[in-house]
Amino acid sequence: MSAVLRGLYAITDSQLLADGKLLPYVEAALKGGAQLLQYRDKSADSARRLYDAQALQELCERYGASLIINDDLELAARLGVGLHLGQGDGSLLAARQRLGPQAIIGATCHAQLELADAAAANGASYLAFGRFFNSQTKPGVPTATLELLEQARHRFALPLAAIGGITLEHAPALIANGASLLAVINDLFAAEDASAVERRARAFSELFTN
């Protein structure tokens, strides 16, 4: 697989990126070095989501990043891009069969190695663990630990994504314990302007070059 599955994994948020912020803020994140971009929008406006996803795909191609669609196999298949599936979002095996062997397909594994076992067996490209810290996107008590990440690193020959309240302060320990991807929403996109997003993205990205 030629795609880079290491580095900053930017995830969009329809509230943080409302009012025309989606494209300029995402472009700033890509300029700052984001390797993967997940388009996450749970609205029922399929026409707008298609429009947004096509625009994001063009940006990702321009900056050499990979676009991942959250929980919408049909949209991912239509655009020929990757897919991320949460638990209960459909069959990973069916998605792999539909999208083909080269597509990036990620799976939410929460804090359970057993879920990761199943995802790996069904063709996942990366395994996403979390929540590691308190998250504004998915509030609640953190359940994933650095020990879990360390166990997963030795158990799976797949890239591991860490998600949930990740900040620049927390990031180095996650990388040291096996995180190949840092999935970031709030600490990246809750910014005053696009230039701040780019600075934050670059700071995250530089952690993977040290």
N, C-alpha and C. Protein backbone atom coordinates (compact mmCIF):
# COMPACT_ATOMS: atom_id res chain seq x y z
N MET A 1 0.84 -1.19 0.00
CA MET A 1 0.00 0.00 0.00
C MET A 1 0.88 1.24 0.00
N SER A 2 0.68 2.12 -0.97
CA SER A 2 1.57 3.25 -1.14
C SER A 2 1.24 4.42 -0.20
N ALA A 3 0.03 4.46 0.33
CA ALA A 3 -0.37 5.57 1.19
C ALA A 3 0.46 5.58 2.48
N VAL A 4 0.72 6.77 2.97
CA VAL A 4 1.46 6.93 4.21
C VAL A 4 0.50 6.78 5.39
N LEU A 5 0.70 5.76 6.19
CA LEU A 5 -0.16 5.55 7.36
C LEU A 5 0.66 5.85 8.62
N ARG A 6 1.24 7.02 8.63
CA ARG A 6 2.00 7.48 9.77
C ARG A 6 1.96 9.01 9.77
N GLY A 7 1.67 9.58 10.93
CA GLY A 7 1.65 11.03 11.02
C GLY A 7 0.34 11.55 11.57
N LEU A 8 0.07 12.80 11.26
CA LEU A 8 -1.15 13.46 11.72
C LEU A 8 -2.35 13.00 10.89
N TYR A 9 -3.40 12.61 11.59
CA TYR A 9 -4.65 12.15 10.96
C TYR A 9 -5.72 13.17 11.36
N ALA A 10 -6.00 14.11 10.47
CA ALA A 10 -6.96 15.17 10.75
C ALA A 10 -8.38 14.67 10.52
N ILE A 11 -9.27 14.97 11.46
CA ILE A 11 -10.67 14.55 11.34
C ILE A 11 -11.55 15.79 11.40
N THR A 12 -12.44 15.93 10.43
CA THR A 12 -13.29 17.11 10.37
C THR A 12 -14.42 17.02 11.38
N ASP A 13 -14.94 18.18 11.73
CA ASP A 13 -16.06 18.28 12.66
C ASP A 13 -17.01 19.34 12.10
N SER A 14 -18.26 18.96 11.89
CA SER A 14 -19.19 19.85 11.20
C SER A 14 -19.49 21.12 11.98
N GLN A 15 -19.35 21.10 13.30
CA GLN A 15 -19.58 22.31 14.09
C GLN A 15 -18.35 23.21 14.10
N LEU A 16 -17.19 22.61 14.35
CA LEU A 16 -15.96 23.41 14.36
C LEU A 16 -15.67 24.04 13.00
N LEU A 17 -16.08 23.36 11.94
CA LEU A 17 -15.74 23.80 10.59
C LEU A 17 -16.94 24.35 9.84
N ALA A 18 -17.91 24.87 10.57
CA ALA A 18 -19.08 25.50 9.95
C ALA A 18 -18.72 26.89 9.44
N ASP A 19 -19.67 27.53 8.79
CA ASP A 19 -19.51 28.92 8.34
C ASP A 19 -18.34 29.12 7.40
N GLY A 20 -18.18 28.19 6.48
CA GLY A 20 -17.16 28.35 5.45
C GLY A 20 -15.75 27.99 5.86
N LYS A 21 -15.57 27.39 7.02
CA LYS A 21 -14.22 27.07 7.48
C LYS A 21 -13.70 25.74 6.93
N LEU A 22 -14.57 24.88 6.46
CA LEU A 22 -14.15 23.51 6.13
C LEU A 22 -12.96 23.49 5.18
N LEU A 23 -13.08 24.08 4.03
CA LEU A 23 -12.00 23.97 3.03
C LEU A 23 -10.75 24.74 3.42
N PRO A 24 -10.83 26.00 3.86
CA PRO A 24 -9.58 26.68 4.23
C PRO A 24 -8.88 26.06 5.43
N TYR A 25 -9.64 25.59 6.40
CA TYR A 25 -9.01 24.99 7.58
C TYR A 25 -8.40 23.63 7.23
N VAL A 26 -9.09 22.85 6.41
CA VAL A 26 -8.53 21.57 5.99
C VAL A 26 -7.28 21.78 5.14
N GLU A 27 -7.32 22.74 4.24
CA GLU A 27 -6.13 23.00 3.43
C GLU A 27 -4.96 23.40 4.32
N ALA A 28 -5.23 24.19 5.35
CA ALA A 28 -4.17 24.57 6.29
C ALA A 28 -3.58 23.36 6.99
N ALA A 29 -4.44 22.42 7.40
CA ALA A 29 -3.96 21.20 8.04
C ALA A 29 -3.09 20.38 7.09
N LEU A 30 -3.48 20.33 5.83
CA LEU A 30 -2.71 19.60 4.84
C LEU A 30 -1.38 20.29 4.57
N LYS A 31 -1.40 21.60 4.51
CA LYS A 31 -0.15 22.36 4.35
C LYS A 31 0.80 22.07 5.51
N GLY A 32 0.22 21.89 6.70
CA GLY A 32 1.01 21.61 7.89
C GLY A 32 1.50 20.18 7.98
N GLY A 33 1.09 19.34 7.03
CA GLY A 33 1.66 18.00 6.97
C GLY A 33 0.73 16.85 7.30
N ALA A 34 -0.57 17.10 7.47
CA ALA A 34 -1.50 15.99 7.74
C ALA A 34 -1.41 14.96 6.61
N GLN A 35 -1.29 13.70 6.98
CA GLN A 35 -1.14 12.62 6.00
C GLN A 35 -2.47 11.99 5.61
N LEU A 36 -3.38 11.95 6.57
CA LEU A 36 -4.72 11.43 6.33
C LEU A 36 -5.73 12.48 6.74
N LEU A 37 -6.86 12.50 6.04
CA LEU A 37 -7.97 13.37 6.39
C LEU A 37 -9.25 12.55 6.39
N GLN A 38 -9.93 12.57 7.52
CA GLN A 38 -11.22 11.89 7.59
C GLN A 38 -12.35 12.91 7.52
N TYR A 39 -13.22 12.72 6.54
CA TYR A 39 -14.41 13.56 6.43
C TYR A 39 -15.51 12.91 7.26
N ARG A 40 -15.84 13.58 8.36
CA ARG A 40 -16.83 13.05 9.30
C ARG A 40 -17.99 14.03 9.38
N ASP A 41 -19.11 13.62 8.83
CA ASP A 41 -20.31 14.46 8.84
C ASP A 41 -21.51 13.54 8.90
N LYS A 42 -22.23 13.61 10.01
CA LYS A 42 -23.34 12.69 10.25
C LYS A 42 -24.68 13.22 9.74
N SER A 43 -24.66 14.34 9.02
CA SER A 43 -25.93 14.92 8.55
C SER A 43 -26.54 14.05 7.45
N ALA A 44 -27.81 14.31 7.18
CA ALA A 44 -28.54 13.54 6.16
C ALA A 44 -28.51 14.21 4.80
N ASP A 45 -27.80 15.31 4.66
CA ASP A 45 -27.75 16.06 3.40
C ASP A 45 -26.71 15.42 2.49
N SER A 46 -27.14 14.41 1.76
CA SER A 46 -26.20 13.64 0.95
C SER A 46 -25.60 14.46 -0.18
N ALA A 47 -26.37 15.37 -0.75
CA ALA A 47 -25.85 16.19 -1.85
C ALA A 47 -24.72 17.09 -1.35
N ARG A 48 -24.91 17.71 -0.20
CA ARG A 48 -23.86 18.58 0.34
C ARG A 48 -22.63 17.76 0.74
N ARG A 49 -22.85 16.58 1.31
CA ARG A 49 -21.72 15.75 1.71
C ARG A 49 -20.92 15.30 0.49
N LEU A 50 -21.60 15.01 -0.61
CA LEU A 50 -20.89 14.66 -1.83
C LEU A 50 -20.07 15.84 -2.33
N TYR A 51 -20.66 17.02 -2.32
CA TYR A 51 -19.96 18.23 -2.76
C TYR A 51 -18.72 18.48 -1.90
N ASP A 52 -18.91 18.40 -0.58
CA ASP A 52 -17.78 18.62 0.33
C ASP A 52 -16.70 17.58 0.12
N ALA A 53 -17.11 16.32 0.02
CA ALA A 53 -16.13 15.25 -0.12
C ALA A 53 -15.33 15.38 -1.41
N GLN A 54 -15.97 15.78 -2.48
CA GLN A 54 -15.25 15.97 -3.75
C GLN A 54 -14.23 17.10 -3.63
N ALA A 55 -14.62 18.17 -2.95
CA ALA A 55 -13.69 19.29 -2.75
C ALA A 55 -12.52 18.87 -1.87
N LEU A 56 -12.80 18.08 -0.84
CA LEU A 56 -11.74 17.60 0.05
C LEU A 56 -10.82 16.63 -0.68
N GLN A 57 -11.39 15.83 -1.56
CA GLN A 57 -10.58 14.89 -2.34
C GLN A 57 -9.58 15.65 -3.21
N GLU A 58 -10.02 16.75 -3.83
CA GLU A 58 -9.12 17.55 -4.65
C GLU A 58 -7.98 18.13 -3.81
N LEU A 59 -8.31 18.60 -2.61
CA LEU A 59 -7.28 19.13 -1.73
C LEU A 59 -6.28 18.05 -1.32
N CYS A 60 -6.79 16.88 -0.97
CA CYS A 60 -5.91 15.79 -0.55
C CYS A 60 -4.97 15.39 -1.69
N GLU A 61 -5.50 15.33 -2.90
CA GLU A 61 -4.67 14.98 -4.05
C GLU A 61 -3.59 16.04 -4.27
N ARG A 62 -3.94 17.30 -4.06
CA ARG A 62 -2.99 18.39 -4.26
C ARG A 62 -1.83 18.31 -3.29
N TYR A 63 -2.13 17.87 -2.05
CA TYR A 63 -1.09 17.85 -1.02
C TYR A 63 -0.54 16.45 -0.73
N GLY A 64 -0.94 15.48 -1.51
CA GLY A 64 -0.39 14.14 -1.36
C GLY A 64 -0.88 13.40 -0.13
N ALA A 65 -2.07 13.75 0.33
CA ALA A 65 -2.67 13.08 1.48
C ALA A 65 -3.78 12.13 1.02
N SER A 66 -4.27 11.32 1.94
CA SER A 66 -5.32 10.35 1.63
C SER A 66 -6.61 10.75 2.31
N LEU A 67 -7.70 10.71 1.56
CA LEU A 67 -9.03 11.03 2.10
C LEU A 67 -9.72 9.76 2.57
N ILE A 68 -10.28 9.83 3.77
CA ILE A 68 -11.04 8.74 4.37
C ILE A 68 -12.45 9.26 4.65
N ILE A 69 -13.45 8.50 4.27
CA ILE A 69 -14.84 8.87 4.55
C ILE A 69 -15.31 8.12 5.78
N ASN A 70 -15.93 8.83 6.70
CA ASN A 70 -16.46 8.19 7.91
C ASN A 70 -17.82 7.57 7.63
N ASP A 71 -17.91 6.26 7.81
CA ASP A 71 -19.20 5.57 7.86
C ASP A 71 -20.11 5.83 6.67
N ASP A 72 -19.57 5.81 5.45
CA ASP A 72 -20.41 5.94 4.26
C ASP A 72 -19.74 5.20 3.12
N LEU A 73 -20.02 3.92 3.06
CA LEU A 73 -19.38 3.07 2.06
C LEU A 73 -19.72 3.52 0.65
N GLU A 74 -20.97 3.93 0.43
CA GLU A 74 -21.36 4.32 -0.92
C GLU A 74 -20.60 5.55 -1.38
N LEU A 75 -20.43 6.52 -0.51
CA LEU A 75 -19.69 7.72 -0.88
C LEU A 75 -18.22 7.40 -1.12
N ALA A 76 -17.64 6.57 -0.26
CA ALA A 76 -16.24 6.17 -0.45
C ALA A 76 -16.06 5.44 -1.78
N ALA A 77 -16.99 4.55 -2.11
CA ALA A 77 -16.91 3.80 -3.36
C ALA A 77 -17.07 4.73 -4.56
N ARG A 78 -17.97 5.69 -4.45
CA ARG A 78 -18.21 6.62 -5.55
C ARG A 78 -16.96 7.44 -5.87
N LEU A 79 -16.25 7.85 -4.83
CA LEU A 79 -15.07 8.69 -5.03
C LEU A 79 -13.78 7.88 -5.18
N GLY A 80 -13.85 6.61 -4.84
CA GLY A 80 -12.64 5.79 -4.90
C GLY A 80 -11.63 6.13 -3.82
N VAL A 81 -12.14 6.43 -2.61
CA VAL A 81 -11.26 6.80 -1.50
C VAL A 81 -11.44 5.82 -0.35
N GLY A 82 -10.79 6.11 0.78
CA GLY A 82 -10.82 5.22 1.92
C GLY A 82 -12.08 5.36 2.76
N LEU A 83 -12.16 4.52 3.78
CA LEU A 83 -13.36 4.44 4.62
C LEU A 83 -12.95 4.14 6.05
N HIS A 84 -13.65 4.77 6.99
CA HIS A 84 -13.48 4.41 8.40
C HIS A 84 -14.81 3.91 8.94
N LEU A 85 -14.76 2.76 9.59
CA LEU A 85 -15.98 2.15 10.14
C LEU A 85 -15.89 2.06 11.66
N GLY A 86 -16.91 2.58 12.32
CA GLY A 86 -17.05 2.36 13.75
C GLY A 86 -17.73 1.03 14.00
N GLN A 87 -17.77 0.65 15.26
CA GLN A 87 -18.50 -0.57 15.60
C GLN A 87 -19.99 -0.34 15.30
N GLY A 88 -20.58 -1.21 14.53
CA GLY A 88 -21.98 -1.05 14.18
C GLY A 88 -22.21 -0.25 12.91
N ASP A 89 -21.12 0.15 12.22
CA ASP A 89 -21.26 0.93 10.99
C ASP A 89 -21.27 0.08 9.74
N GLY A 90 -21.39 -1.22 9.90
CA GLY A 90 -21.40 -2.08 8.72
C GLY A 90 -20.21 -3.03 8.73
N SER A 91 -20.24 -3.96 7.79
CA SER A 91 -19.26 -5.02 7.72
C SER A 91 -17.95 -4.53 7.10
N LEU A 92 -16.88 -4.70 7.84
CA LEU A 92 -15.56 -4.35 7.31
C LEU A 92 -15.19 -5.28 6.15
N LEU A 93 -15.53 -6.53 6.30
CA LEU A 93 -15.23 -7.50 5.25
C LEU A 93 -15.95 -7.13 3.95
N ALA A 94 -17.22 -6.75 4.06
CA ALA A 94 -17.98 -6.35 2.87
C ALA A 94 -17.39 -5.07 2.26
N ALA A 95 -16.95 -4.15 3.12
CA ALA A 95 -16.35 -2.92 2.62
C ALA A 95 -15.05 -3.22 1.88
N ARG A 96 -14.25 -4.12 2.41
CA ARG A 96 -13.00 -4.50 1.74
C ARG A 96 -13.30 -5.11 0.38
N GLN A 97 -14.30 -5.96 0.32
CA GLN A 97 -14.65 -6.58 -0.95
C GLN A 97 -15.14 -5.54 -1.96
N ARG A 98 -15.85 -4.53 -1.46
CA ARG A 98 -16.39 -3.49 -2.34
C ARG A 98 -15.31 -2.52 -2.81
N LEU A 99 -14.44 -2.11 -1.92
CA LEU A 99 -13.47 -1.07 -2.24
C LEU A 99 -12.17 -1.60 -2.83
N GLY A 100 -11.92 -2.89 -2.63
CA GLY A 100 -10.74 -3.49 -3.22
C GLY A 100 -9.55 -3.55 -2.27
N PRO A 101 -8.51 -4.25 -2.65
CA PRO A 101 -7.40 -4.52 -1.75
C PRO A 101 -6.52 -3.31 -1.43
N GLN A 102 -6.53 -2.30 -2.29
CA GLN A 102 -5.64 -1.15 -2.07
C GLN A 102 -6.26 -0.04 -1.23
N ALA A 103 -7.57 -0.07 -1.02
CA ALA A 103 -8.25 0.99 -0.29
C ALA A 103 -7.84 1.00 1.18
N ILE A 104 -7.71 2.20 1.73
CA ILE A 104 -7.47 2.32 3.17
C ILE A 104 -8.80 2.18 3.89
N ILE A 105 -8.89 1.21 4.78
CA ILE A 105 -10.10 1.01 5.58
C ILE A 105 -9.68 0.90 7.04
N GLY A 106 -10.16 1.82 7.84
CA GLY A 106 -9.85 1.82 9.25
C GLY A 106 -11.01 1.33 10.08
N ALA A 107 -10.71 0.87 11.28
CA ALA A 107 -11.73 0.31 12.15
C ALA A 107 -11.59 0.85 13.56
N THR A 108 -12.70 1.27 14.14
CA THR A 108 -12.74 1.67 15.54
C THR A 108 -12.69 0.43 16.42
N CYS A 109 -11.73 0.39 17.33
CA CYS A 109 -11.57 -0.77 18.21
C CYS A 109 -11.76 -0.40 19.68
N HIS A 110 -12.14 0.85 19.94
CA HIS A 110 -12.32 1.35 21.31
C HIS A 110 -11.08 1.02 22.15
N ALA A 111 -11.25 0.29 23.21
CA ALA A 111 -10.10 -0.11 24.03
C ALA A 111 -10.07 -1.62 24.19
N GLN A 112 -10.43 -2.32 23.11
CA GLN A 112 -10.57 -3.77 23.18
C GLN A 112 -9.71 -4.45 22.12
N LEU A 113 -8.75 -5.22 22.57
CA LEU A 113 -7.90 -5.95 21.65
C LEU A 113 -8.68 -6.98 20.85
N GLU A 114 -9.77 -7.48 21.44
CA GLU A 114 -10.58 -8.47 20.73
C GLU A 114 -11.23 -7.86 19.49
N LEU A 115 -11.68 -6.61 19.61
CA LEU A 115 -12.25 -5.93 18.44
C LEU A 115 -11.17 -5.72 17.39
N ALA A 116 -9.97 -5.42 17.82
CA ALA A 116 -8.86 -5.25 16.89
C ALA A 116 -8.51 -6.56 16.20
N ASP A 117 -8.59 -7.67 16.95
CA ASP A 117 -8.35 -8.99 16.34
C ASP A 117 -9.30 -9.20 15.16
N ALA A 118 -10.58 -8.93 15.39
CA ALA A 118 -11.59 -9.13 14.34
C ALA A 118 -11.36 -8.19 13.16
N ALA A 119 -11.03 -6.94 13.46
CA ALA A 119 -10.80 -5.98 12.38
C ALA A 119 -9.61 -6.37 11.53
N ALA A 120 -8.55 -6.80 12.19
CA ALA A 120 -7.35 -7.22 11.45
C ALA A 120 -7.65 -8.43 10.57
N ALA A 121 -8.43 -9.35 11.10
CA ALA A 121 -8.76 -10.56 10.34
C ALA A 121 -9.65 -10.25 9.13
N ASN A 122 -10.43 -9.16 9.23
CA ASN A 122 -11.36 -8.82 8.16
C ASN A 122 -10.81 -7.79 7.18
N GLY A 123 -9.52 -7.48 7.31
CA GLY A 123 -8.88 -6.68 6.28
C GLY A 123 -8.68 -5.22 6.59
N ALA A 124 -8.68 -4.83 7.86
CA ALA A 124 -8.45 -3.42 8.20
C ALA A 124 -7.04 -2.99 7.80
N SER A 125 -6.93 -1.72 7.39
CA SER A 125 -5.62 -1.14 7.06
C SER A 125 -4.95 -0.56 8.28
N TYR A 126 -5.76 -0.06 9.22
CA TYR A 126 -5.24 0.46 10.49
C TYR A 126 -6.28 0.21 11.57
N LEU A 127 -5.81 0.19 12.81
CA LEU A 127 -6.67 -0.06 13.96
C LEU A 127 -6.70 1.20 14.83
N ALA A 128 -7.89 1.70 15.11
CA ALA A 128 -8.03 2.94 15.88
C ALA A 128 -8.46 2.63 17.31
N PHE A 129 -7.64 3.07 18.26
CA PHE A 129 -7.94 2.88 19.68
C PHE A 129 -8.23 4.22 20.34
N GLY A 130 -9.14 4.21 21.28
CA GLY A 130 -9.48 5.42 22.04
C GLY A 130 -10.76 5.19 22.82
N ARG A 131 -11.10 6.06 23.63
CA ARG A 131 -10.63 7.40 23.87
C ARG A 131 -9.48 7.39 24.86
N PHE A 132 -8.38 8.10 24.53
CA PHE A 132 -7.23 8.14 25.42
C PHE A 132 -7.35 9.22 26.48
N PHE A 133 -7.98 10.33 26.11
CA PHE A 133 -8.15 11.45 27.03
C PHE A 133 -9.56 11.99 26.90
N ASN A 134 -9.97 12.84 27.79
CA ASN A 134 -11.31 13.40 27.70
C ASN A 134 -11.45 14.17 26.40
N SER A 135 -12.55 13.91 25.72
CA SER A 135 -12.74 14.45 24.38
C SER A 135 -14.03 15.26 24.30
N GLN A 136 -13.95 16.40 23.64
CA GLN A 136 -15.16 17.20 23.44
C GLN A 136 -16.05 16.59 22.38
N THR A 137 -15.45 15.88 21.42
CA THR A 137 -16.25 15.26 20.37
C THR A 137 -17.00 14.04 20.91
N LYS A 138 -16.31 13.24 21.72
CA LYS A 138 -16.93 12.06 22.32
C LYS A 138 -16.65 12.10 23.82
N PRO A 139 -17.44 12.88 24.55
CA PRO A 139 -17.18 13.04 25.97
C PRO A 139 -17.40 11.75 26.75
N GLY A 140 -16.75 11.66 27.88
CA GLY A 140 -16.87 10.49 28.73
C GLY A 140 -15.53 10.15 29.34
N VAL A 141 -15.53 9.15 30.17
CA VAL A 141 -14.31 8.74 30.85
C VAL A 141 -13.38 8.05 29.86
N PRO A 142 -12.13 8.48 29.78
CA PRO A 142 -11.19 7.80 28.89
C PRO A 142 -11.05 6.32 29.25
N THR A 143 -10.96 5.49 28.23
CA THR A 143 -10.89 4.05 28.46
C THR A 143 -9.61 3.42 27.94
N ALA A 144 -8.97 4.04 26.97
CA ALA A 144 -7.75 3.47 26.41
C ALA A 144 -6.53 3.98 27.18
N THR A 145 -5.52 3.17 27.26
CA THR A 145 -4.32 3.50 28.03
C THR A 145 -3.07 3.30 27.18
N LEU A 146 -1.97 3.86 27.66
CA LEU A 146 -0.70 3.63 26.99
C LEU A 146 -0.30 2.16 27.02
N GLU A 147 -0.68 1.47 28.09
CA GLU A 147 -0.38 0.04 28.21
C GLU A 147 -1.11 -0.74 27.12
N LEU A 148 -2.35 -0.37 26.86
CA LEU A 148 -3.11 -1.02 25.79
C LEU A 148 -2.42 -0.81 24.44
N LEU A 149 -1.98 0.40 24.20
CA LEU A 149 -1.30 0.72 22.94
C LEU A 149 -0.02 -0.10 22.79
N GLU A 150 0.70 -0.23 23.89
CA GLU A 150 1.92 -1.03 23.87
C GLU A 150 1.62 -2.50 23.56
N GLN A 151 0.55 -3.02 24.16
CA GLN A 151 0.15 -4.40 23.88
C GLN A 151 -0.23 -4.56 22.41
N ALA A 152 -0.97 -3.59 21.88
CA ALA A 152 -1.41 -3.67 20.49
C ALA A 152 -0.23 -3.61 19.53
N ARG A 153 0.77 -2.83 19.88
CA ARG A 153 1.95 -2.71 19.01
C ARG A 153 2.64 -4.06 18.84
N HIS A 154 2.68 -4.84 19.91
CA HIS A 154 3.34 -6.14 19.84
C HIS A 154 2.44 -7.23 19.25
N ARG A 155 1.15 -6.96 19.25
CA ARG A 155 0.18 -7.98 18.82
C ARG A 155 -0.17 -7.88 17.34
N PHE A 156 -0.11 -6.67 16.78
CA PHE A 156 -0.58 -6.46 15.41
C PHE A 156 0.50 -5.87 14.52
N ALA A 157 0.55 -6.36 13.30
CA ALA A 157 1.49 -5.82 12.31
C ALA A 157 0.77 -4.80 11.43
N LEU A 158 -0.02 -3.94 12.07
CA LEU A 158 -0.78 -2.91 11.36
C LEU A 158 -0.53 -1.56 12.04
N PRO A 159 -0.67 -0.47 11.30
CA PRO A 159 -0.57 0.85 11.93
C PRO A 159 -1.67 1.03 12.97
N LEU A 160 -1.33 1.72 14.05
CA LEU A 160 -2.28 1.98 15.13
C LEU A 160 -2.58 3.47 15.18
N ALA A 161 -3.86 3.80 15.24
CA ALA A 161 -4.29 5.19 15.36
C ALA A 161 -4.79 5.43 16.77
N ALA A 162 -4.38 6.54 17.36
CA ALA A 162 -4.85 6.93 18.68
C ALA A 162 -5.80 8.11 18.52
N ILE A 163 -6.93 8.08 19.23
CA ILE A 163 -7.92 9.14 19.12
C ILE A 163 -8.51 9.44 20.50
N GLY A 164 -8.97 10.66 20.65
CA GLY A 164 -9.68 11.02 21.87
C GLY A 164 -8.95 12.03 22.73
N GLY A 165 -9.23 13.32 22.52
CA GLY A 165 -8.67 14.35 23.36
C GLY A 165 -7.17 14.55 23.22
N ILE A 166 -6.61 14.20 22.08
CA ILE A 166 -5.16 14.26 21.91
C ILE A 166 -4.70 15.70 21.72
N THR A 167 -3.69 16.07 22.47
CA THR A 167 -3.07 17.39 22.36
C THR A 167 -1.58 17.23 22.09
N LEU A 168 -0.94 18.32 21.80
CA LEU A 168 0.51 18.27 21.58
C LEU A 168 1.25 17.79 22.83
N GLU A 169 0.70 18.08 23.99
CA GLU A 169 1.32 17.64 25.24
C GLU A 169 1.28 16.13 25.39
N HIS A 170 0.16 15.53 25.01
CA HIS A 170 0.00 14.08 25.15
C HIS A 170 0.68 13.29 24.04
N ALA A 171 0.83 13.92 22.88
CA ALA A 171 1.20 13.19 21.67
C ALA A 171 2.50 12.40 21.76
N PRO A 172 3.59 12.95 22.30
CA PRO A 172 4.84 12.19 22.28
C PRO A 172 4.76 10.83 22.97
N ALA A 173 4.03 10.75 24.08
CA ALA A 173 3.92 9.46 24.78
C ALA A 173 3.15 8.45 23.94
N LEU A 174 2.14 8.91 23.22
CA LEU A 174 1.38 8.00 22.36
C LEU A 174 2.26 7.46 21.24
N ILE A 175 3.04 8.32 20.64
CA ILE A 175 3.94 7.87 19.57
C ILE A 175 4.98 6.90 20.13
N ALA A 176 5.51 7.21 21.28
CA ALA A 176 6.53 6.35 21.89
C ALA A 176 6.00 4.97 22.22
N ASN A 177 4.71 4.89 22.48
CA ASN A 177 4.11 3.60 22.84
C ASN A 177 3.45 2.88 21.67
N GLY A 178 3.64 3.41 20.47
CA GLY A 178 3.21 2.64 19.30
C GLY A 178 2.22 3.29 18.36
N ALA A 179 1.76 4.50 18.64
CA ALA A 179 0.80 5.14 17.75
C ALA A 179 1.49 5.56 16.45
N SER A 180 0.99 5.06 15.33
CA SER A 180 1.49 5.46 14.02
C SER A 180 0.76 6.69 13.52
N LEU A 181 -0.48 6.83 13.96
CA LEU A 181 -1.34 7.94 13.54
C LEU A 181 -1.93 8.60 14.77
N LEU A 182 -1.93 9.93 14.78
CA LEU A 182 -2.61 10.68 15.83
C LEU A 182 -3.84 11.33 15.21
N ALA A 183 -5.01 10.84 15.59
CA ALA A 183 -6.27 11.36 15.06
C ALA A 183 -6.70 12.54 15.92
N VAL A 184 -6.71 13.73 15.32
CA VAL A 184 -6.93 14.95 16.08
C VAL A 184 -8.07 15.75 15.47
N ILE A 185 -8.94 16.23 16.33
CA ILE A 185 -10.06 17.08 15.89
C ILE A 185 -9.94 18.44 16.55
N ASN A 186 -10.27 18.49 17.83
CA ASN A 186 -10.40 19.77 18.52
C ASN A 186 -9.07 20.53 18.63
N ASP A 187 -8.00 19.83 18.98
CA ASP A 187 -6.72 20.52 19.17
C ASP A 187 -6.12 20.98 17.86
N LEU A 188 -6.72 20.58 16.76
CA LEU A 188 -6.27 21.03 15.45
C LEU A 188 -7.19 22.12 14.89
N PHE A 189 -8.49 21.87 14.93
CA PHE A 189 -9.44 22.73 14.22
C PHE A 189 -10.15 23.78 15.09
N ALA A 190 -10.05 23.68 16.40
CA ALA A 190 -10.63 24.72 17.26
C ALA A 190 -9.63 25.87 17.35
N ALA A 191 -9.49 26.56 16.22
CA ALA A 191 -8.45 27.58 16.08
C ALA A 191 -9.07 28.89 15.61
N GLU A 192 -8.36 29.98 15.86
CA GLU A 192 -8.89 31.30 15.53
C GLU A 192 -8.84 31.60 14.04
N ASP A 193 -7.94 30.95 13.32
CA ASP A 193 -7.86 31.16 11.88
C ASP A 193 -7.07 30.02 11.24
N ALA A 194 -7.03 30.03 9.92
CA ALA A 194 -6.38 28.95 9.18
C ALA A 194 -4.88 28.88 9.46
N SER A 195 -4.26 30.02 9.66
CA SER A 195 -2.81 30.00 9.92
C SER A 195 -2.50 29.29 11.24
N ALA A 196 -3.40 29.42 12.21
CA ALA A 196 -3.20 28.70 13.48
C ALA A 196 -3.35 27.20 13.27
N VAL A 197 -4.28 26.80 12.42
CA VAL A 197 -4.43 25.38 12.10
C VAL A 197 -3.16 24.84 11.47
N GLU A 198 -2.60 25.60 10.54
CA GLU A 198 -1.37 25.14 9.89
C GLU A 198 -0.23 25.00 10.89
N ARG A 199 -0.10 25.96 11.81
CA ARG A 199 0.96 25.87 12.82
C ARG A 199 0.77 24.64 13.70
N ARG A 200 -0.46 24.39 14.11
CA ARG A 200 -0.73 23.22 14.95
C ARG A 200 -0.44 21.93 14.19
N ALA A 201 -0.87 21.87 12.93
CA ALA A 201 -0.63 20.67 12.12
C ALA A 201 0.87 20.42 11.97
N ARG A 202 1.62 21.48 11.74
CA ARG A 202 3.06 21.31 11.57
C ARG A 202 3.72 20.82 12.86
N ALA A 203 3.23 21.34 13.99
CA ALA A 203 3.79 20.91 15.28
C ALA A 203 3.52 19.43 15.52
N PHE A 204 2.32 18.97 15.20
CA PHE A 204 2.02 17.54 15.33
C PHE A 204 2.88 16.72 14.37
N SER A 205 2.97 17.18 13.13
CA SER A 205 3.70 16.43 12.12
C SER A 205 5.17 16.30 12.45
N GLU A 206 5.75 17.35 13.03
CA GLU A 206 7.17 17.32 13.36
C GLU A 206 7.50 16.30 14.44
N LEU A 207 6.51 15.91 15.23
CA LEU A 207 6.75 14.89 16.26
C LEU A 207 7.13 13.56 15.66
N PHE A 208 6.74 13.34 14.41
CA PHE A 208 7.02 12.06 13.76
C PHE A 208 8.36 12.06 13.03
N THR A 209 9.03 13.19 13.02
CA THR A 209 10.32 13.26 12.35
C THR A 209 11.49 13.26 13.31
N ASN A 210 11.17 13.34 14.60
CA ASN A 210 12.24 13.38 15.61
C ASN A 210 12.72 11.97 15.95
